[in-house]
Amino acid sequence: MEIEFGILKREELMESVELATRAYMTYEYFTNFFPDPEERRKALLSMQYRAGLTNFGKTHFLTAKVDGKMVAFAQIDDPNYKRPSVLQFLLHGWLLVYWGVKIKRVNAWLAMDTLANKPCHDYQHAGSDIWYTSSVTVDPVYQRMGVGSKFIAFWEDYIREHGGKELTLFTNSEKNLAFYRKNGLEVFDERDILLPDGNKMRSWSVKKLL
């Protein structure tokens, strides 16, 4: 299987959002906050599309394709990345995220996301030349076929070529954690995040020197 790696084009944004939605539909990171599958699908499509529009041109979007079809996607933030302002999100239609989705669930997810990525952000800002992978996904049809490992190798090379010396990311999935460890990443922070229903979700932050 020949894989073509590259940089996301603006006209491919919706394709990347649809890919990520398929992959995230069973991910604890979303199922714990949007238990209804249809509401979850709407939330995933809308949040990722609006976030992608707002961030396009401000950070790095990488892709992997097989026979012209996108099979993997990642957003990687360099040390100079600045999160867009609330106004910028609003100008790119963020309020539409709440259409057909319970506001309380979206806001609870946003609060959780802030807590979950804090260790990585703190680690990135405490050092230099550290890149943060804020989103990475492989189409479920192409998982367990070596695509993910080859994709990681591509963005490790991409980061090195752009002066980066280390990468960091987090996951809430034990399966994903095993995958990252297999690819040389090591845990530097492990914590529980309280869920709206009173249960807890485990979160692992990992890093790798390049």
N, C-alpha and C. Protein backbone atom coordinates (compact mmCIF):
# COMPACT_ATOMS: atom_id res chain seq x y z
N MET A 1 0.84 -1.20 0.00
CA MET A 1 0.00 0.00 0.00
C MET A 1 0.88 1.25 0.00
N GLU A 2 0.70 2.06 -1.02
CA GLU A 2 1.50 3.28 -1.14
C GLU A 2 0.75 4.45 -0.50
N ILE A 3 1.43 5.15 0.41
CA ILE A 3 0.82 6.27 1.13
C ILE A 3 1.48 7.56 0.69
N GLU A 4 0.64 8.54 0.37
CA GLU A 4 1.14 9.87 -0.02
C GLU A 4 0.90 10.84 1.12
N PHE A 5 1.96 11.48 1.60
CA PHE A 5 1.86 12.44 2.69
C PHE A 5 1.94 13.86 2.16
N GLY A 6 1.25 14.77 2.85
CA GLY A 6 1.29 16.15 2.40
C GLY A 6 0.64 17.12 3.37
N ILE A 7 0.39 18.32 2.88
CA ILE A 7 -0.22 19.39 3.67
C ILE A 7 -1.65 19.59 3.21
N LEU A 8 -2.57 19.75 4.13
CA LEU A 8 -3.99 19.90 3.82
C LEU A 8 -4.23 21.17 3.00
N LYS A 9 -5.04 21.03 1.95
CA LYS A 9 -5.48 22.17 1.17
C LYS A 9 -6.83 22.64 1.73
N ARG A 10 -7.11 23.92 1.57
CA ARG A 10 -8.33 24.48 2.13
C ARG A 10 -9.58 23.76 1.62
N GLU A 11 -9.56 23.39 0.34
CA GLU A 11 -10.73 22.71 -0.24
C GLU A 11 -10.89 21.28 0.28
N GLU A 12 -9.89 20.78 1.01
CA GLU A 12 -9.96 19.43 1.57
C GLU A 12 -10.41 19.44 3.03
N LEU A 13 -10.69 20.62 3.56
CA LEU A 13 -11.00 20.73 4.98
C LEU A 13 -12.19 19.86 5.38
N MET A 14 -13.28 19.92 4.61
CA MET A 14 -14.47 19.14 4.98
C MET A 14 -14.18 17.64 4.93
N GLU A 15 -13.34 17.22 3.99
CA GLU A 15 -12.97 15.80 3.91
C GLU A 15 -12.24 15.37 5.18
N SER A 16 -11.36 16.24 5.69
CA SER A 16 -10.63 15.91 6.92
C SER A 16 -11.57 15.86 8.11
N VAL A 17 -12.56 16.74 8.13
CA VAL A 17 -13.54 16.77 9.22
C VAL A 17 -14.39 15.50 9.21
N GLU A 18 -14.82 15.07 8.04
CA GLU A 18 -15.62 13.85 7.93
C GLU A 18 -14.82 12.63 8.34
N LEU A 19 -13.53 12.59 7.97
CA LEU A 19 -12.65 11.50 8.37
C LEU A 19 -12.54 11.44 9.89
N ALA A 20 -12.25 12.59 10.50
CA ALA A 20 -12.09 12.64 11.96
C ALA A 20 -13.38 12.26 12.67
N THR A 21 -14.51 12.66 12.12
CA THR A 21 -15.80 12.33 12.74
C THR A 21 -16.01 10.83 12.76
N ARG A 22 -15.70 10.15 11.66
CA ARG A 22 -15.83 8.68 11.63
C ARG A 22 -14.95 8.04 12.70
N ALA A 23 -13.73 8.56 12.83
CA ALA A 23 -12.79 7.96 13.78
C ALA A 23 -13.15 8.25 15.23
N TYR A 24 -13.68 9.45 15.50
CA TYR A 24 -13.95 9.86 16.88
C TYR A 24 -15.30 9.41 17.41
N MET A 25 -16.13 8.81 16.57
CA MET A 25 -17.47 8.44 17.02
C MET A 25 -17.47 7.46 18.19
N THR A 26 -16.40 6.68 18.33
CA THR A 26 -16.33 5.70 19.42
C THR A 26 -15.25 6.06 20.46
N TYR A 27 -14.74 7.27 20.38
CA TYR A 27 -13.65 7.70 21.27
C TYR A 27 -14.23 8.26 22.58
N GLU A 28 -13.68 7.78 23.71
CA GLU A 28 -14.17 8.19 25.03
C GLU A 28 -14.21 9.71 25.20
N TYR A 29 -13.29 10.36 24.55
CA TYR A 29 -13.17 11.81 24.60
C TYR A 29 -14.47 12.51 24.19
N PHE A 30 -15.26 11.83 23.35
CA PHE A 30 -16.53 12.39 22.90
C PHE A 30 -17.74 11.61 23.40
N THR A 31 -17.64 10.28 23.48
CA THR A 31 -18.80 9.49 23.90
C THR A 31 -19.23 9.83 25.33
N ASN A 32 -18.26 10.20 26.18
CA ASN A 32 -18.60 10.55 27.56
C ASN A 32 -19.40 11.84 27.67
N PHE A 33 -19.34 12.67 26.64
CA PHE A 33 -20.01 13.97 26.69
C PHE A 33 -21.21 14.05 25.76
N PHE A 34 -21.22 13.21 24.74
CA PHE A 34 -22.34 13.18 23.80
C PHE A 34 -22.79 11.73 23.64
N PRO A 35 -23.54 11.21 24.61
CA PRO A 35 -23.91 9.79 24.57
C PRO A 35 -24.83 9.42 23.40
N ASP A 36 -25.63 10.36 22.92
CA ASP A 36 -26.50 10.08 21.80
C ASP A 36 -25.69 10.14 20.50
N PRO A 37 -25.67 9.07 19.71
CA PRO A 37 -24.83 9.03 18.49
C PRO A 37 -25.11 10.15 17.49
N GLU A 38 -26.38 10.48 17.29
CA GLU A 38 -26.71 11.52 16.32
C GLU A 38 -26.25 12.89 16.80
N GLU A 39 -26.45 13.18 18.09
CA GLU A 39 -25.98 14.45 18.64
C GLU A 39 -24.45 14.51 18.59
N ARG A 40 -23.81 13.37 18.86
CA ARG A 40 -22.35 13.30 18.82
C ARG A 40 -21.83 13.59 17.42
N ARG A 41 -22.47 12.99 16.43
CA ARG A 41 -22.05 13.22 15.04
C ARG A 41 -22.18 14.70 14.67
N LYS A 42 -23.30 15.31 15.03
CA LYS A 42 -23.51 16.73 14.73
C LYS A 42 -22.46 17.60 15.43
N ALA A 43 -22.20 17.29 16.70
CA ALA A 43 -21.23 18.07 17.46
C ALA A 43 -19.83 17.93 16.86
N LEU A 44 -19.45 16.70 16.50
CA LEU A 44 -18.13 16.46 15.93
C LEU A 44 -17.95 17.20 14.61
N LEU A 45 -18.91 17.07 13.73
CA LEU A 45 -18.82 17.72 12.42
C LEU A 45 -18.72 19.23 12.58
N SER A 46 -19.59 19.78 13.41
CA SER A 46 -19.66 21.23 13.54
C SER A 46 -18.44 21.81 14.27
N MET A 47 -18.06 21.22 15.41
CA MET A 47 -16.93 21.75 16.17
C MET A 47 -15.63 21.66 15.38
N GLN A 48 -15.41 20.54 14.72
CA GLN A 48 -14.16 20.36 13.99
C GLN A 48 -14.10 21.26 12.76
N TYR A 49 -15.23 21.43 12.08
CA TYR A 49 -15.24 22.27 10.89
C TYR A 49 -14.98 23.73 11.26
N ARG A 50 -15.66 24.23 12.29
CA ARG A 50 -15.48 25.63 12.70
C ARG A 50 -14.07 25.86 13.25
N ALA A 51 -13.55 24.89 14.00
CA ALA A 51 -12.19 25.02 14.53
C ALA A 51 -11.18 25.01 13.38
N GLY A 52 -11.44 24.15 12.37
CA GLY A 52 -10.55 24.08 11.23
C GLY A 52 -10.54 25.37 10.44
N LEU A 53 -11.72 25.94 10.19
CA LEU A 53 -11.82 27.21 9.48
C LEU A 53 -11.06 28.31 10.22
N THR A 54 -11.24 28.35 11.53
CA THR A 54 -10.61 29.40 12.33
C THR A 54 -9.10 29.27 12.36
N ASN A 55 -8.60 28.03 12.38
CA ASN A 55 -7.16 27.80 12.51
C ASN A 55 -6.42 27.70 11.18
N PHE A 56 -7.18 27.61 10.08
CA PHE A 56 -6.51 27.40 8.80
C PHE A 56 -5.57 28.58 8.49
N GLY A 57 -4.34 28.24 8.13
CA GLY A 57 -3.34 29.26 7.85
C GLY A 57 -2.58 29.73 9.08
N LYS A 58 -3.03 29.28 10.26
CA LYS A 58 -2.37 29.69 11.52
C LYS A 58 -1.52 28.57 12.11
N THR A 59 -1.73 27.34 11.63
CA THR A 59 -1.00 26.20 12.17
C THR A 59 -0.74 25.20 11.05
N HIS A 60 -0.35 23.97 11.40
CA HIS A 60 0.06 22.99 10.41
C HIS A 60 -0.95 21.84 10.35
N PHE A 61 -1.54 21.62 9.18
CA PHE A 61 -2.48 20.52 8.96
C PHE A 61 -1.83 19.54 7.99
N LEU A 62 -1.61 18.31 8.44
CA LEU A 62 -0.94 17.30 7.63
C LEU A 62 -1.89 16.16 7.29
N THR A 63 -1.66 15.54 6.13
CA THR A 63 -2.55 14.47 5.67
C THR A 63 -1.77 13.26 5.18
N ALA A 64 -2.47 12.14 5.13
CA ALA A 64 -1.98 10.93 4.47
C ALA A 64 -3.09 10.45 3.54
N LYS A 65 -2.71 10.05 2.32
CA LYS A 65 -3.70 9.61 1.34
C LYS A 65 -3.29 8.28 0.73
N VAL A 66 -4.30 7.49 0.39
CA VAL A 66 -4.10 6.24 -0.34
C VAL A 66 -4.99 6.31 -1.57
N ASP A 67 -4.39 6.21 -2.74
CA ASP A 67 -5.14 6.32 -4.00
C ASP A 67 -5.98 7.59 -4.06
N GLY A 68 -5.42 8.68 -3.55
CA GLY A 68 -6.10 9.97 -3.61
C GLY A 68 -7.12 10.20 -2.52
N LYS A 69 -7.39 9.19 -1.69
CA LYS A 69 -8.36 9.32 -0.60
C LYS A 69 -7.63 9.61 0.70
N MET A 70 -8.11 10.61 1.44
CA MET A 70 -7.50 10.95 2.72
C MET A 70 -7.79 9.85 3.74
N VAL A 71 -6.73 9.34 4.37
CA VAL A 71 -6.89 8.26 5.35
C VAL A 71 -6.38 8.64 6.73
N ALA A 72 -5.69 9.78 6.83
CA ALA A 72 -5.21 10.24 8.14
C ALA A 72 -5.04 11.75 8.08
N PHE A 73 -5.18 12.36 9.26
CA PHE A 73 -5.13 13.82 9.36
C PHE A 73 -4.58 14.21 10.72
N ALA A 74 -3.80 15.30 10.76
CA ALA A 74 -3.27 15.78 12.04
C ALA A 74 -3.14 17.29 12.03
N GLN A 75 -3.41 17.90 13.17
CA GLN A 75 -3.10 19.32 13.39
C GLN A 75 -1.94 19.38 14.35
N ILE A 76 -0.86 20.05 13.94
CA ILE A 76 0.34 20.14 14.75
C ILE A 76 0.70 21.60 14.94
N ASP A 77 0.78 22.03 16.19
CA ASP A 77 1.02 23.44 16.52
C ASP A 77 2.49 23.66 16.88
N ASP A 78 3.13 24.59 16.16
CA ASP A 78 4.52 24.90 16.48
C ASP A 78 4.60 25.80 17.72
N PRO A 79 5.80 26.05 18.26
CA PRO A 79 5.92 26.84 19.50
C PRO A 79 5.39 28.27 19.39
N ASN A 80 5.26 28.80 18.18
CA ASN A 80 4.79 30.17 18.00
C ASN A 80 3.27 30.26 17.78
N TYR A 81 2.61 29.11 17.77
CA TYR A 81 1.17 29.11 17.55
C TYR A 81 0.44 29.85 18.67
N LYS A 82 -0.51 30.67 18.28
CA LYS A 82 -1.35 31.37 19.25
C LYS A 82 -2.80 31.00 18.97
N ARG A 83 -3.46 30.52 19.98
CA ARG A 83 -4.86 30.13 19.82
C ARG A 83 -5.68 31.33 19.37
N PRO A 84 -6.55 31.15 18.36
CA PRO A 84 -7.38 32.26 17.90
C PRO A 84 -8.24 32.84 19.02
N SER A 85 -8.57 34.10 18.91
CA SER A 85 -9.39 34.76 19.92
C SER A 85 -10.84 34.30 19.82
N VAL A 86 -11.62 34.60 20.85
CA VAL A 86 -13.04 34.29 20.84
C VAL A 86 -13.71 34.96 19.64
N LEU A 87 -13.33 36.20 19.37
CA LEU A 87 -13.90 36.93 18.24
C LEU A 87 -13.62 36.21 16.93
N GLN A 88 -12.41 35.69 16.76
CA GLN A 88 -12.08 34.98 15.52
C GLN A 88 -12.92 33.72 15.37
N PHE A 89 -13.14 33.01 16.47
CA PHE A 89 -14.00 31.83 16.41
C PHE A 89 -15.43 32.24 16.03
N LEU A 90 -15.92 33.31 16.62
CA LEU A 90 -17.28 33.78 16.32
C LEU A 90 -17.41 34.20 14.87
N LEU A 91 -16.39 34.86 14.34
CA LEU A 91 -16.42 35.29 12.95
C LEU A 91 -16.43 34.12 11.98
N HIS A 92 -15.96 32.98 12.43
CA HIS A 92 -15.97 31.78 11.59
C HIS A 92 -17.14 30.85 11.92
N GLY A 93 -18.16 31.42 12.55
CA GLY A 93 -19.43 30.70 12.73
C GLY A 93 -19.51 29.76 13.90
N TRP A 94 -18.71 30.00 14.97
CA TRP A 94 -18.72 29.07 16.10
C TRP A 94 -20.09 28.91 16.74
N LEU A 95 -20.91 29.96 16.73
CA LEU A 95 -22.24 29.86 17.36
C LEU A 95 -23.10 28.78 16.69
N LEU A 96 -22.80 28.45 15.43
CA LEU A 96 -23.55 27.41 14.73
C LEU A 96 -23.29 26.03 15.33
N VAL A 97 -22.22 25.91 16.11
CA VAL A 97 -21.93 24.63 16.77
C VAL A 97 -23.08 24.22 17.68
N TYR A 98 -23.76 25.21 18.26
CA TYR A 98 -24.82 24.94 19.22
C TYR A 98 -26.15 24.58 18.56
N TRP A 99 -26.22 24.64 17.23
CA TRP A 99 -27.45 24.33 16.52
C TRP A 99 -27.69 22.82 16.53
N GLY A 100 -28.77 22.40 17.19
CA GLY A 100 -29.11 20.99 17.24
C GLY A 100 -28.33 20.17 18.25
N VAL A 101 -27.53 20.86 19.07
CA VAL A 101 -26.73 20.18 20.10
C VAL A 101 -26.96 20.91 21.43
N LYS A 102 -27.04 20.17 22.51
CA LYS A 102 -27.29 20.80 23.81
C LYS A 102 -26.09 21.65 24.23
N ILE A 103 -26.38 22.92 24.51
CA ILE A 103 -25.33 23.88 24.88
C ILE A 103 -24.52 23.37 26.08
N LYS A 104 -25.23 22.80 27.05
CA LYS A 104 -24.56 22.33 28.27
C LYS A 104 -23.51 21.27 27.95
N ARG A 105 -23.81 20.39 27.00
CA ARG A 105 -22.85 19.33 26.66
C ARG A 105 -21.62 19.91 25.95
N VAL A 106 -21.84 20.84 25.03
CA VAL A 106 -20.72 21.46 24.32
C VAL A 106 -19.81 22.18 25.30
N ASN A 107 -20.41 22.96 26.20
CA ASN A 107 -19.60 23.72 27.17
C ASN A 107 -18.85 22.80 28.12
N ALA A 108 -19.47 21.68 28.51
CA ALA A 108 -18.79 20.71 29.38
C ALA A 108 -17.61 20.08 28.65
N TRP A 109 -17.80 19.80 27.36
CA TRP A 109 -16.70 19.23 26.57
C TRP A 109 -15.56 20.23 26.44
N LEU A 110 -15.87 21.49 26.18
CA LEU A 110 -14.84 22.52 26.04
C LEU A 110 -14.04 22.68 27.34
N ALA A 111 -14.74 22.62 28.48
CA ALA A 111 -14.05 22.73 29.77
C ALA A 111 -13.13 21.54 29.99
N MET A 112 -13.61 20.34 29.63
CA MET A 112 -12.79 19.14 29.77
C MET A 112 -11.57 19.23 28.86
N ASP A 113 -11.76 19.68 27.62
CA ASP A 113 -10.67 19.77 26.66
C ASP A 113 -9.56 20.68 27.19
N THR A 114 -9.93 21.77 27.82
CA THR A 114 -8.95 22.69 28.40
C THR A 114 -8.13 22.00 29.48
N LEU A 115 -8.80 21.23 30.33
CA LEU A 115 -8.09 20.52 31.40
C LEU A 115 -7.19 19.42 30.83
N ALA A 116 -7.69 18.71 29.83
CA ALA A 116 -6.94 17.57 29.28
C ALA A 116 -5.68 18.01 28.56
N ASN A 117 -5.74 19.15 27.86
CA ASN A 117 -4.53 19.54 27.11
C ASN A 117 -3.59 20.45 27.89
N LYS A 118 -3.97 20.83 29.12
CA LYS A 118 -3.14 21.73 29.92
C LYS A 118 -1.72 21.19 30.18
N PRO A 119 -1.56 19.90 30.55
CA PRO A 119 -0.18 19.42 30.79
C PRO A 119 0.71 19.56 29.56
N CYS A 120 0.15 19.30 28.37
CA CYS A 120 0.94 19.43 27.15
C CYS A 120 1.29 20.89 26.87
N HIS A 121 0.32 21.78 27.05
CA HIS A 121 0.59 23.20 26.83
C HIS A 121 1.63 23.72 27.83
N ASP A 122 1.49 23.33 29.08
CA ASP A 122 2.46 23.76 30.10
C ASP A 122 3.85 23.25 29.76
N TYR A 123 3.92 21.99 29.33
CA TYR A 123 5.21 21.40 28.98
C TYR A 123 5.81 22.10 27.77
N GLN A 124 4.99 22.36 26.76
CA GLN A 124 5.46 23.03 25.55
C GLN A 124 6.00 24.43 25.85
N HIS A 125 5.29 25.17 26.68
CA HIS A 125 5.67 26.56 26.96
C HIS A 125 6.85 26.65 27.94
N ALA A 126 7.13 25.56 28.63
CA ALA A 126 8.24 25.57 29.58
C ALA A 126 9.58 25.29 28.91
N GLY A 127 9.52 24.83 27.67
CA GLY A 127 10.75 24.51 26.96
C GLY A 127 10.85 25.30 25.67
N SER A 128 11.64 24.80 24.74
CA SER A 128 11.78 25.45 23.44
C SER A 128 11.80 24.39 22.35
N ASP A 129 11.36 24.78 21.16
CA ASP A 129 11.35 23.88 20.00
C ASP A 129 10.48 22.64 20.23
N ILE A 130 9.43 22.81 21.04
CA ILE A 130 8.50 21.71 21.32
C ILE A 130 7.21 21.94 20.55
N TRP A 131 6.77 20.94 19.80
CA TRP A 131 5.55 21.03 19.01
C TRP A 131 4.45 20.21 19.68
N TYR A 132 3.23 20.68 19.56
CA TYR A 132 2.08 20.03 20.19
C TYR A 132 1.13 19.50 19.13
N THR A 133 0.85 18.21 19.17
CA THR A 133 -0.11 17.61 18.25
C THR A 133 -1.49 17.69 18.88
N SER A 134 -2.29 18.65 18.43
CA SER A 134 -3.59 18.88 19.06
C SER A 134 -4.69 17.98 18.52
N SER A 135 -4.44 17.36 17.36
CA SER A 135 -5.44 16.45 16.79
C SER A 135 -4.76 15.50 15.83
N VAL A 136 -5.07 14.22 15.95
CA VAL A 136 -4.54 13.24 15.02
C VAL A 136 -5.54 12.09 14.91
N THR A 137 -5.81 11.66 13.71
CA THR A 137 -6.79 10.59 13.52
C THR A 137 -6.48 9.80 12.25
N VAL A 138 -6.83 8.52 12.30
CA VAL A 138 -6.70 7.63 11.14
C VAL A 138 -8.09 7.06 10.85
N ASP A 139 -8.47 7.04 9.60
CA ASP A 139 -9.77 6.48 9.22
C ASP A 139 -9.88 5.06 9.77
N PRO A 140 -11.00 4.73 10.43
CA PRO A 140 -11.16 3.39 11.02
C PRO A 140 -10.89 2.25 10.04
N VAL A 141 -11.21 2.44 8.77
CA VAL A 141 -11.00 1.40 7.76
C VAL A 141 -9.51 1.10 7.58
N TYR A 142 -8.66 2.10 7.85
CA TYR A 142 -7.22 1.95 7.63
C TYR A 142 -6.42 1.78 8.92
N GLN A 143 -7.10 1.60 10.04
CA GLN A 143 -6.39 1.36 11.29
C GLN A 143 -5.88 -0.08 11.33
N ARG A 144 -4.81 -0.27 12.10
CA ARG A 144 -4.16 -1.58 12.25
C ARG A 144 -3.57 -2.07 10.92
N MET A 145 -3.20 -1.12 10.04
CA MET A 145 -2.59 -1.47 8.76
C MET A 145 -1.23 -0.78 8.59
N GLY A 146 -0.75 -0.15 9.68
CA GLY A 146 0.55 0.51 9.62
C GLY A 146 0.49 1.96 9.18
N VAL A 147 -0.70 2.45 8.85
CA VAL A 147 -0.84 3.83 8.39
C VAL A 147 -0.45 4.81 9.50
N GLY A 148 -0.95 4.56 10.72
CA GLY A 148 -0.70 5.46 11.83
C GLY A 148 0.78 5.62 12.14
N SER A 149 1.51 4.52 12.17
CA SER A 149 2.95 4.58 12.48
C SER A 149 3.72 5.31 11.39
N LYS A 150 3.35 5.08 10.13
CA LYS A 150 4.02 5.77 9.03
C LYS A 150 3.67 7.25 9.04
N PHE A 151 2.45 7.57 9.43
CA PHE A 151 2.03 8.97 9.51
C PHE A 151 2.80 9.69 10.60
N ILE A 152 2.97 9.05 11.76
CA ILE A 152 3.76 9.64 12.84
C ILE A 152 5.19 9.89 12.36
N ALA A 153 5.77 8.94 11.66
CA ALA A 153 7.14 9.11 11.15
C ALA A 153 7.20 10.32 10.21
N PHE A 154 6.15 10.53 9.41
CA PHE A 154 6.12 11.67 8.51
C PHE A 154 6.09 12.97 9.28
N TRP A 155 5.19 13.09 10.28
CA TRP A 155 5.18 14.38 10.96
C TRP A 155 6.32 14.58 11.92
N GLU A 156 6.99 13.52 12.32
CA GLU A 156 8.25 13.70 13.06
C GLU A 156 9.30 14.34 12.15
N ASP A 157 9.39 13.84 10.90
CA ASP A 157 10.32 14.42 9.93
C ASP A 157 9.93 15.87 9.62
N TYR A 158 8.64 16.11 9.49
CA TYR A 158 8.14 17.46 9.19
C TYR A 158 8.54 18.43 10.31
N ILE A 159 8.38 18.00 11.55
CA ILE A 159 8.73 18.84 12.70
C ILE A 159 10.23 19.12 12.71
N ARG A 160 11.05 18.09 12.49
CA ARG A 160 12.51 18.28 12.44
C ARG A 160 12.89 19.29 11.36
N GLU A 161 12.28 19.14 10.17
CA GLU A 161 12.60 20.03 9.05
C GLU A 161 12.26 21.49 9.37
N HIS A 162 11.30 21.68 10.29
CA HIS A 162 10.89 23.04 10.66
C HIS A 162 11.53 23.49 11.98
N GLY A 163 12.57 22.80 12.40
CA GLY A 163 13.34 23.22 13.56
C GLY A 163 12.89 22.67 14.90
N GLY A 164 11.89 21.80 14.89
CA GLY A 164 11.41 21.23 16.15
C GLY A 164 12.32 20.12 16.66
N LYS A 165 12.37 19.99 17.98
CA LYS A 165 13.23 18.97 18.58
C LYS A 165 12.45 17.99 19.47
N GLU A 166 11.17 18.26 19.68
CA GLU A 166 10.37 17.40 20.56
C GLU A 166 8.90 17.59 20.22
N LEU A 167 8.09 16.56 20.47
CA LEU A 167 6.65 16.67 20.26
C LEU A 167 5.92 16.17 21.49
N THR A 168 4.70 16.65 21.67
CA THR A 168 3.87 16.23 22.79
C THR A 168 2.42 16.16 22.35
N LEU A 169 1.66 15.30 23.00
CA LEU A 169 0.23 15.16 22.75
C LEU A 169 -0.39 14.42 23.93
N PHE A 170 -1.73 14.33 23.94
CA PHE A 170 -2.38 13.57 25.01
C PHE A 170 -3.43 12.66 24.42
N THR A 171 -3.84 11.65 25.20
CA THR A 171 -4.90 10.75 24.80
C THR A 171 -5.69 10.31 26.02
N ASN A 172 -6.93 9.93 25.79
CA ASN A 172 -7.78 9.40 26.86
C ASN A 172 -8.11 7.93 26.62
N SER A 173 -7.41 7.32 25.70
CA SER A 173 -7.68 5.93 25.31
C SER A 173 -6.48 5.04 25.61
N GLU A 174 -6.71 3.95 26.33
CA GLU A 174 -5.62 3.01 26.62
C GLU A 174 -5.09 2.38 25.34
N LYS A 175 -5.97 2.13 24.38
CA LYS A 175 -5.54 1.57 23.10
C LYS A 175 -4.61 2.54 22.37
N ASN A 176 -4.99 3.80 22.35
CA ASN A 176 -4.14 4.81 21.70
C ASN A 176 -2.82 4.98 22.44
N LEU A 177 -2.89 4.91 23.78
CA LEU A 177 -1.68 5.05 24.59
C LEU A 177 -0.68 3.94 24.24
N ALA A 178 -1.17 2.72 24.09
CA ALA A 178 -0.30 1.60 23.72
C ALA A 178 0.33 1.85 22.35
N PHE A 179 -0.45 2.41 21.43
CA PHE A 179 0.05 2.73 20.09
C PHE A 179 1.17 3.78 20.16
N TYR A 180 0.95 4.83 20.94
CA TYR A 180 1.97 5.88 21.04
C TYR A 180 3.24 5.35 21.70
N ARG A 181 3.07 4.52 22.73
CA ARG A 181 4.26 3.94 23.37
C ARG A 181 5.02 3.06 22.38
N LYS A 182 4.30 2.34 21.57
CA LYS A 182 4.93 1.50 20.54
C LYS A 182 5.77 2.34 19.58
N ASN A 183 5.34 3.58 19.39
CA ASN A 183 6.04 4.48 18.46
C ASN A 183 7.02 5.42 19.17
N GLY A 184 7.40 5.05 20.39
CA GLY A 184 8.49 5.74 21.06
C GLY A 184 8.13 6.91 21.94
N LEU A 185 6.83 7.17 22.16
CA LEU A 185 6.44 8.27 23.05
C LEU A 185 6.35 7.75 24.48
N GLU A 186 6.65 8.61 25.45
CA GLU A 186 6.62 8.21 26.84
C GLU A 186 5.70 9.13 27.65
N VAL A 187 5.06 8.58 28.64
CA VAL A 187 4.12 9.32 29.48
C VAL A 187 4.89 10.25 30.43
N PHE A 188 4.45 11.51 30.50
CA PHE A 188 5.05 12.42 31.48
C PHE A 188 3.99 13.00 32.42
N ASP A 189 2.71 12.74 32.15
CA ASP A 189 1.65 13.19 33.06
C ASP A 189 0.46 12.24 32.92
N GLU A 190 -0.10 11.87 34.06
CA GLU A 190 -1.26 10.97 34.07
C GLU A 190 -2.22 11.48 35.14
N ARG A 191 -3.49 11.65 34.77
CA ARG A 191 -4.45 12.20 35.71
C ARG A 191 -5.87 11.77 35.37
N ASP A 192 -6.77 11.92 36.34
CA ASP A 192 -8.19 11.67 36.13
C ASP A 192 -8.90 13.00 35.92
N ILE A 193 -9.87 13.00 35.00
CA ILE A 193 -10.68 14.18 34.74
C ILE A 193 -12.12 13.85 35.12
N LEU A 194 -12.70 14.68 35.96
CA LEU A 194 -14.06 14.45 36.43
C LEU A 194 -15.06 14.72 35.31
N LEU A 195 -15.98 13.78 35.10
CA LEU A 195 -17.01 13.91 34.07
C LEU A 195 -18.29 14.48 34.65
N PRO A 196 -19.17 15.03 33.81
CA PRO A 196 -20.42 15.62 34.30
C PRO A 196 -21.30 14.66 35.10
N ASP A 197 -21.21 13.35 34.80
CA ASP A 197 -22.04 12.38 35.52
C ASP A 197 -21.40 11.90 36.82
N GLY A 198 -20.26 12.47 37.17
CA GLY A 198 -19.58 12.09 38.41
C GLY A 198 -18.51 11.04 38.24
N ASN A 199 -18.46 10.39 37.08
CA ASN A 199 -17.42 9.41 36.81
C ASN A 199 -16.12 10.12 36.42
N LYS A 200 -15.07 9.35 36.21
CA LYS A 200 -13.77 9.93 35.86
C LYS A 200 -13.26 9.34 34.55
N MET A 201 -12.49 10.15 33.83
CA MET A 201 -11.86 9.71 32.59
C MET A 201 -10.35 9.89 32.73
N ARG A 202 -9.60 8.87 32.39
CA ARG A 202 -8.14 8.93 32.50
C ARG A 202 -7.56 9.73 31.33
N SER A 203 -6.53 10.49 31.60
CA SER A 203 -5.87 11.27 30.56
C SER A 203 -4.37 11.12 30.69
N TRP A 204 -3.72 10.77 29.59
CA TRP A 204 -2.27 10.60 29.57
C TRP A 204 -1.64 11.61 28.62
N SER A 205 -0.62 12.31 29.08
CA SER A 205 0.15 13.21 28.22
C SER A 205 1.48 12.55 27.93
N VAL A 206 1.88 12.58 26.64
CA VAL A 206 3.09 11.87 26.24
C VAL A 206 4.01 12.81 25.45
N LYS A 207 5.27 12.43 25.33
CA LYS A 207 6.26 13.27 24.64
C LYS A 207 7.29 12.38 23.96
N LYS A 208 8.04 13.01 23.05
CA LYS A 208 9.10 12.27 22.38
C LYS A 208 10.16 13.24 21.87
N LEU A 209 11.42 12.96 22.18
CA LEU A 209 12.54 13.71 21.63
C LEU A 209 12.77 13.26 20.19
N LEU A 210 13.04 14.21 19.31
CA LEU A 210 13.21 13.89 17.90
C LEU A 210 14.68 13.97 17.48
